[in-house]
Amino acid sequence: MEEYLLELITNSKYECVQEDIQASYKYLFVDEFQDCSPTQIKIFDRLSDLVEQSIWVGDYKQAIYGFRYW
């Protein structure tokens, strides 16, 4: 599902989806950022470009998926 969403928000062929997101959402809030996967980070990064403001909150000391990156 994440890969499909990433395709929808990055591919110019789905510009209508991106415009709908821009028209519908003003803010993006990401909590527990430290546990995001690389794909999720790409999604949040692109969504940040589509909204007026984004806030990402995370604490490396609370990361439970740190083993993913080693």
PDB file of N, CA and C in Angstrom:
ATOM      1  N   MET A   1       0.816  -1.163   0.000  1.00  0.00           N
ATOM      2  CA  MET A   1       0.000   0.000   0.000  1.00  0.00           C
ATOM      3  C   MET A   1       0.877   1.249   0.000  1.00  0.00           C
ATOM      4  N   GLU A   2       1.958   1.194   0.758  1.00  0.00           N
ATOM      5  CA  GLU A   2       2.838   2.356   0.814  1.00  0.00           C
ATOM      6  C   GLU A   2       3.440   2.659  -0.558  1.00  0.00           C
ATOM      7  N   GLU A   3       3.854   1.623  -1.256  1.00  0.00           N
ATOM      8  CA  GLU A   3       4.433   1.817  -2.590  1.00  0.00           C
ATOM      9  C   GLU A   3       3.412   2.420  -3.557  1.00  0.00           C
ATOM     10  N   TYR A   4       2.167   1.980  -3.456  1.00  0.00           N
ATOM     11  CA  TYR A   4       1.109   2.542  -4.315  1.00  0.00           C
ATOM     12  C   TYR A   4       0.860   4.013  -3.984  1.00  0.00           C
ATOM     13  N   LEU A   5       0.828   4.341  -2.705  1.00  0.00           N
ATOM     14  CA  LEU A   5       0.643   5.736  -2.314  1.00  0.00           C
ATOM     15  C   LEU A   5       1.808   6.589  -2.808  1.00  0.00           C
ATOM     16  N   LEU A   6       3.013   6.090  -2.653  1.00  0.00           N
ATOM     17  CA  LEU A   6       4.182   6.827  -3.121  1.00  0.00           C
ATOM     18  C   LEU A   6       4.095   7.089  -4.624  1.00  0.00           C
ATOM     19  N   GLU A   7       3.652   6.112  -5.365  1.00  0.00           N
ATOM     20  CA  GLU A   7       3.466   6.278  -6.816  1.00  0.00           C
ATOM     21  C   GLU A   7       2.420   7.361  -7.105  1.00  0.00           C
ATOM     22  N   LEU A   8       1.325   7.345  -6.368  1.00  0.00           N
ATOM     23  CA  LEU A   8       0.256   8.321  -6.588  1.00  0.00           C
ATOM     24  C   LEU A   8       0.690   9.756  -6.317  1.00  0.00           C
ATOM     25  N   ILE A   9       1.544   9.945  -5.331  1.00  0.00           N
ATOM     26  CA  ILE A   9       1.901  11.314  -4.960  1.00  0.00           C
ATOM     27  C   ILE A   9       3.194  11.811  -5.617  1.00  0.00           C
ATOM     28  N   THR A  10       3.867  10.942  -6.377  1.00  0.00           N
ATOM     29  CA  THR A  10       5.097  11.375  -7.040  1.00  0.00           C
ATOM     30  C   THR A  10       5.005  11.383  -8.560  1.00  0.00           C
ATOM     31  N   ASN A  11       4.158  10.551  -9.119  1.00  0.00           N
ATOM     32  CA  ASN A  11       4.068  10.430 -10.569  1.00  0.00           C
ATOM     33  C   ASN A  11       3.153  11.521 -11.135  1.00  0.00           C
ATOM     34  N   SER A  12       3.655  12.261 -12.115  1.00  0.00           N
ATOM     35  CA  SER A  12       2.870  13.361 -12.702  1.00  0.00           C
ATOM     36  C   SER A  12       1.602  12.875 -13.391  1.00  0.00           C
ATOM     37  N   LYS A  13       1.538  11.604 -13.720  1.00  0.00           N
ATOM     38  CA  LYS A  13       0.347  11.055 -14.352  1.00  0.00           C
ATOM     39  C   LYS A  13      -0.852  11.064 -13.390  1.00  0.00           C
ATOM     40  N   TYR A  14      -0.572  11.160 -12.097  1.00  0.00           N
ATOM     41  CA  TYR A  14      -1.625  11.212 -11.078  1.00  0.00           C
ATOM     42  C   TYR A  14      -1.723  12.601 -10.450  1.00  0.00           C
ATOM     43  N   GLU A  15      -1.510  13.604 -11.258  1.00  0.00           N
ATOM     44  CA  GLU A  15      -1.516  14.986 -10.771  1.00  0.00           C
ATOM     45  C   GLU A  15      -2.843  15.355 -10.098  1.00  0.00           C
ATOM     46  N   CYS A  16      -3.943  14.777 -10.550  1.00  0.00           N
ATOM     47  CA  CYS A  16      -5.247  15.071  -9.949  1.00  0.00           C
ATOM     48  C   CYS A  16      -5.295  14.636  -8.481  1.00  0.00           C
ATOM     49  N   VAL A  17      -4.622  13.547  -8.156  1.00  0.00           N
ATOM     50  CA  VAL A  17      -4.569  13.076  -6.766  1.00  0.00           C
ATOM     51  C   VAL A  17      -3.774  14.075  -5.926  1.00  0.00           C
ATOM     52  N   GLN A  18      -2.671  14.526  -6.457  1.00  0.00           N
ATOM     53  CA  GLN A  18      -1.835  15.480  -5.751  1.00  0.00           C
ATOM     54  C   GLN A  18      -2.566  16.808  -5.541  1.00  0.00           C
ATOM     55  N   GLU A  19      -3.298  17.245  -6.536  1.00  0.00           N
ATOM     56  CA  GLU A  19      -4.076  18.477  -6.416  1.00  0.00           C
ATOM     57  C   GLU A  19      -5.188  18.323  -5.382  1.00  0.00           C
ATOM     58  N   ASP A  20      -5.785  17.154  -5.326  1.00  0.00           N
ATOM     59  CA  ASP A  20      -6.830  16.899  -4.337  1.00  0.00           C
ATOM     60  C   ASP A  20      -6.260  16.950  -2.921  1.00  0.00           C
ATOM     61  N   ILE A  21      -5.082  16.415  -2.730  1.00  0.00           N
ATOM     62  CA  ILE A  21      -4.432  16.471  -1.417  1.00  0.00           C
ATOM     63  C   ILE A  21      -4.155  17.921  -1.046  1.00  0.00           C
ATOM     64  N   GLN A  22      -3.625  18.689  -1.986  1.00  0.00           N
ATOM     65  CA  GLN A  22      -3.344  20.101  -1.722  1.00  0.00           C
ATOM     66  C   GLN A  22      -4.609  20.870  -1.352  1.00  0.00           C
ATOM     67  N   ALA A  23      -5.700  20.571  -2.013  1.00  0.00           N
ATOM     68  CA  ALA A  23      -6.955  21.271  -1.758  1.00  0.00           C
ATOM     69  C   ALA A  23      -7.619  20.829  -0.455  1.00  0.00           C
ATOM     70  N   SER A  24      -7.333  19.627  -0.015  1.00  0.00           N
ATOM     71  CA  SER A  24      -8.028  19.064   1.140  1.00  0.00           C
ATOM     72  C   SER A  24      -7.286  19.199   2.465  1.00  0.00           C
ATOM     73  N   TYR A  25      -5.961  19.297   2.416  1.00  0.00           N
ATOM     74  CA  TYR A  25      -5.179  19.273   3.646  1.00  0.00           C
ATOM     75  C   TYR A  25      -4.259  20.474   3.735  1.00  0.00           C
ATOM     76  N   LYS A  26      -4.169  21.006   4.940  1.00  0.00           N
ATOM     77  CA  LYS A  26      -3.315  22.161   5.185  1.00  0.00           C
ATOM     78  C   LYS A  26      -2.049  21.764   5.966  1.00  0.00           C
ATOM     79  N   TYR A  27      -2.207  20.790   6.852  1.00  0.00           N
ATOM     80  CA  TYR A  27      -1.116  20.386   7.745  1.00  0.00           C
ATOM     81  C   TYR A  27      -0.842  18.892   7.653  1.00  0.00           C
ATOM     82  N   LEU A  28       0.410  18.543   7.917  1.00  0.00           N
ATOM     83  CA  LEU A  28       0.824  17.155   8.039  1.00  0.00           C
ATOM     84  C   LEU A  28       1.537  17.011   9.378  1.00  0.00           C
ATOM     85  N   PHE A  29       1.068  16.097  10.203  1.00  0.00           N
ATOM     86  CA  PHE A  29       1.695  15.809  11.477  1.00  0.00           C
ATOM     87  C   PHE A  29       2.196  14.366  11.461  1.00  0.00           C
ATOM     88  N   VAL A  30       3.474  14.189  11.767  1.00  0.00           N
ATOM     89  CA  VAL A  30       4.068  12.849  11.819  1.00  0.00           C
ATOM     90  C   VAL A  30       4.586  12.637  13.235  1.00  0.00           C
ATOM     91  N   ASP A  31       4.006  11.674  13.940  1.00  0.00           N
ATOM     92  CA  ASP A  31       4.454  11.336  15.288  1.00  0.00           C
ATOM     93  C   ASP A  31       5.216  10.011  15.217  1.00  0.00           C
ATOM     94  N   GLU A  32       6.097   9.802  16.160  1.00  0.00           N
ATOM     95  CA  GLU A  32       6.921   8.594  16.203  1.00  0.00           C
ATOM     96  C   GLU A  32       7.764   8.451  14.932  1.00  0.00           C
ATOM     97  N   PHE A  33       8.270   9.579  14.469  1.00  0.00           N
ATOM     98  CA  PHE A  33       9.062   9.595  13.235  1.00  0.00           C
ATOM     99  C   PHE A  33      10.242   8.631  13.285  1.00  0.00           C
ATOM    100  N   GLN A  34      10.792   8.437  14.459  1.00  0.00           N
ATOM    101  CA  GLN A  34      11.981   7.587  14.580  1.00  0.00           C
ATOM    102  C   GLN A  34      11.725   6.148  14.133  1.00  0.00           C
ATOM    103  N   ASP A  35      10.475   5.739  14.060  1.00  0.00           N
ATOM    104  CA  ASP A  35      10.159   4.362  13.666  1.00  0.00           C
ATOM    105  C   ASP A  35       9.672   4.244  12.225  1.00  0.00           C
ATOM    106  N   CYS A  36       9.834   5.295  11.442  1.00  0.00           N
ATOM    107  CA  CYS A  36       9.395   5.267  10.037  1.00  0.00           C
ATOM    108  C   CYS A  36      10.373   4.477   9.176  1.00  0.00           C
ATOM    109  N   SER A  37       9.829   3.795   8.201  1.00  0.00           N
ATOM    110  CA  SER A  37      10.658   3.075   7.230  1.00  0.00           C
ATOM    111  C   SER A  37      11.112   4.062   6.151  1.00  0.00           C
ATOM    112  N   PRO A  38      12.108   3.701   5.351  1.00  0.00           N
ATOM    113  CA  PRO A  38      12.534   4.591   4.260  1.00  0.00           C
ATOM    114  C   PRO A  38      11.398   4.959   3.300  1.00  0.00           C
ATOM    115  N   THR A  39      10.515   4.032   3.021  1.00  0.00           N
ATOM    116  CA  THR A  39       9.380   4.335   2.141  1.00  0.00           C
ATOM    117  C   THR A  39       8.441   5.337   2.801  1.00  0.00           C
ATOM    118  N   GLN A  40       8.180   5.166   4.070  1.00  0.00           N
ATOM    119  CA  GLN A  40       7.318   6.102   4.786  1.00  0.00           C
ATOM    120  C   GLN A  40       7.932   7.500   4.810  1.00  0.00           C
ATOM    121  N   ILE A  41       9.232   7.579   4.970  1.00  0.00           N
ATOM    122  CA  ILE A  41       9.906   8.879   4.967  1.00  0.00           C
ATOM    123  C   ILE A  41       9.729   9.558   3.607  1.00  0.00           C
ATOM    124  N   LYS A  42       9.860   8.805   2.524  1.00  0.00           N
ATOM    125  CA  LYS A  42       9.639   9.366   1.187  1.00  0.00           C
ATOM    126  C   LYS A  42       8.210   9.884   1.042  1.00  0.00           C
ATOM    127  N   ILE A  43       7.258   9.136   1.561  1.00  0.00           N
ATOM    128  CA  ILE A  43       5.857   9.551   1.500  1.00  0.00           C
ATOM    129  C   ILE A  43       5.658  10.849   2.277  1.00  0.00           C
ATOM    130  N   PHE A  44       6.143  10.897   3.505  1.00  0.00           N
ATOM    131  CA  PHE A  44       5.968  12.091   4.320  1.00  0.00           C
ATOM    132  C   PHE A  44       6.692  13.287   3.721  1.00  0.00           C
ATOM    133  N   ASP A  45       7.843  13.049   3.142  1.00  0.00           N
ATOM    134  CA  ASP A  45       8.593  14.134   2.512  1.00  0.00           C
ATOM    135  C   ASP A  45       7.803  14.724   1.341  1.00  0.00           C
ATOM    136  N   ARG A  46       7.245  13.872   0.508  1.00  0.00           N
ATOM    137  CA  ARG A  46       6.448  14.346  -0.634  1.00  0.00           C
ATOM    138  C   ARG A  46       5.165  15.024  -0.164  1.00  0.00           C
ATOM    139  N   LEU A  47       4.497  14.438   0.816  1.00  0.00           N
ATOM    140  CA  LEU A  47       3.286  15.065   1.353  1.00  0.00           C
ATOM    141  C   LEU A  47       3.591  16.444   1.936  1.00  0.00           C
ATOM    142  N   SER A  48       4.774  16.593   2.521  1.00  0.00           N
ATOM    143  CA  SER A  48       5.182  17.897   3.059  1.00  0.00           C
ATOM    144  C   SER A  48       5.243  18.956   1.969  1.00  0.00           C
ATOM    145  N   ASP A  49       5.588  18.534   0.767  1.00  0.00           N
ATOM    146  CA  ASP A  49       5.622  19.466  -0.367  1.00  0.00           C
ATOM    147  C   ASP A  49       4.213  19.875  -0.802  1.00  0.00           C
ATOM    148  N   LEU A  50       3.228  19.065  -0.492  1.00  0.00           N
ATOM    149  CA  LEU A  50       1.866  19.305  -0.956  1.00  0.00           C
ATOM    150  C   LEU A  50       1.011  20.103   0.035  1.00  0.00           C
ATOM    151  N   VAL A  51       1.456  20.224   1.271  1.00  0.00           N
ATOM    152  CA  VAL A  51       0.682  20.938   2.283  1.00  0.00           C
ATOM    153  C   VAL A  51       1.413  22.214   2.693  1.00  0.00           C
ATOM    154  N   GLU A  52       0.702  23.064   3.428  1.00  0.00           N
ATOM    155  CA  GLU A  52       1.301  24.340   3.837  1.00  0.00           C
ATOM    156  C   GLU A  52       2.376  24.175   4.901  1.00  0.00           C
ATOM    157  N   GLN A  53       2.127  23.266   5.839  1.00  0.00           N
ATOM    158  CA  GLN A  53       3.072  23.116   6.942  1.00  0.00           C
ATOM    159  C   GLN A  53       3.109  21.675   7.402  1.00  0.00           C
ATOM    160  N   SER A  54       4.296  21.211   7.782  1.00  0.00           N
ATOM    161  CA  SER A  54       4.415  19.857   8.326  1.00  0.00           C
ATOM    162  C   SER A  54       5.237  19.896   9.610  1.00  0.00           C
ATOM    163  N   ILE A  55       4.874  19.029  10.525  1.00  0.00           N
ATOM    164  CA  ILE A  55       5.580  18.905  11.795  1.00  0.00           C
ATOM    165  C   ILE A  55       5.879  17.424  12.003  1.00  0.00           C
ATOM    166  N   TRP A  56       7.150  17.128  12.223  1.00  0.00           N
ATOM    167  CA  TRP A  56       7.596  15.750  12.422  1.00  0.00           C
ATOM    168  C   TRP A  56       8.188  15.658  13.828  1.00  0.00           C
ATOM    169  N   VAL A  57       7.743  14.686  14.599  1.00  0.00           N
ATOM    170  CA  VAL A  57       8.207  14.521  15.968  1.00  0.00           C
ATOM    171  C   VAL A  57       8.740  13.107  16.141  1.00  0.00           C
ATOM    172  N   GLY A  58       9.919  13.009  16.729  1.00  0.00           N
ATOM    173  CA  GLY A  58      10.495  11.697  16.977  1.00  0.00           C
ATOM    174  C   GLY A  58      11.584  11.776  18.025  1.00  0.00           C
ATOM    175  N   ASP A  59      11.917  10.666  18.590  1.00  0.00           N
ATOM    176  CA  ASP A  59      12.957  10.588  19.609  1.00  0.00           C
ATOM    177  C   ASP A  59      13.788   9.340  19.329  1.00  0.00           C
ATOM    178  N   TYR A  60      15.010   9.532  18.884  1.00  0.00           N
ATOM    179  CA  TYR A  60      15.881   8.419  18.525  1.00  0.00           C
ATOM    180  C   TYR A  60      16.039   7.430  19.684  1.00  0.00           C
ATOM    181  N   LYS A  61      16.030   7.936  20.907  1.00  0.00           N
ATOM    182  CA  LYS A  61      16.199   7.058  22.078  1.00  0.00           C
ATOM    183  C   LYS A  61      15.006   6.125  22.284  1.00  0.00           C
ATOM    184  N   GLN A  62      13.875   6.418  21.635  1.00  0.00           N
ATOM    185  CA  GLN A  62      12.699   5.565  21.769  1.00  0.00           C
ATOM    186  C   GLN A  62      12.475   4.679  20.544  1.00  0.00           C
ATOM    187  N   ALA A  63      13.420   4.674  19.640  1.00  0.00           N
ATOM    188  CA  ALA A  63      13.268   3.895  18.405  1.00  0.00           C
ATOM    189  C   ALA A  63      13.168   2.409  18.716  1.00  0.00           C
ATOM    190  N   ILE A  64      12.113   1.785  18.206  1.00  0.00           N
ATOM    191  CA  ILE A  64      11.961   0.347  18.431  1.00  0.00           C
ATOM    192  C   ILE A  64      12.340  -0.462  17.199  1.00  0.00           C
ATOM    193  N   TYR A  65      12.531   0.210  16.070  1.00  0.00           N
ATOM    194  CA  TYR A  65      12.889  -0.494  14.839  1.00  0.00           C
ATOM    195  C   TYR A  65      14.305  -0.156  14.380  1.00  0.00           C
ATOM    196  N   GLY A  66      15.161   0.205  15.299  1.00  0.00           N
ATOM    197  CA  GLY A  66      16.528   0.558  14.957  1.00  0.00           C
ATOM    198  C   GLY A  66      17.263  -0.555  14.228  1.00  0.00           C
ATOM    199  N   PHE A  67      16.866  -1.785  14.489  1.00  0.00           N
ATOM    200  CA  PHE A  67      17.529  -2.927  13.846  1.00  0.00           C
ATOM    201  C   PHE A  67      17.328  -2.944  12.342  1.00  0.00           C
ATOM    202  N   ARG A  68      16.332  -2.221  11.840  1.00  0.00           N
ATOM    203  CA  ARG A  68      16.075  -2.197  10.398  1.00  0.00           C
ATOM    204  C   ARG A  68      17.263  -1.625   9.620  1.00  0.00           C
ATOM    205  N   TYR A  69      17.995  -0.738  10.217  1.00  0.00           N
ATOM    206  CA  TYR A  69      18.997   0.038   9.486  1.00  0.00           C
ATOM    207  C   TYR A  69      20.425  -0.410   9.740  1.00  0.00           C
ATOM    208  N   TRP A  70      20.623  -1.466  10.483  1.00  0.00           N
ATOM    209  CA  TRP A  70      22.001  -1.884  10.791  1.00  0.00           C
ATOM    210  C   TRP A  70      22.432  -3.038   9.936  1.00  0.00           C
TER     211      TRP A  70
END
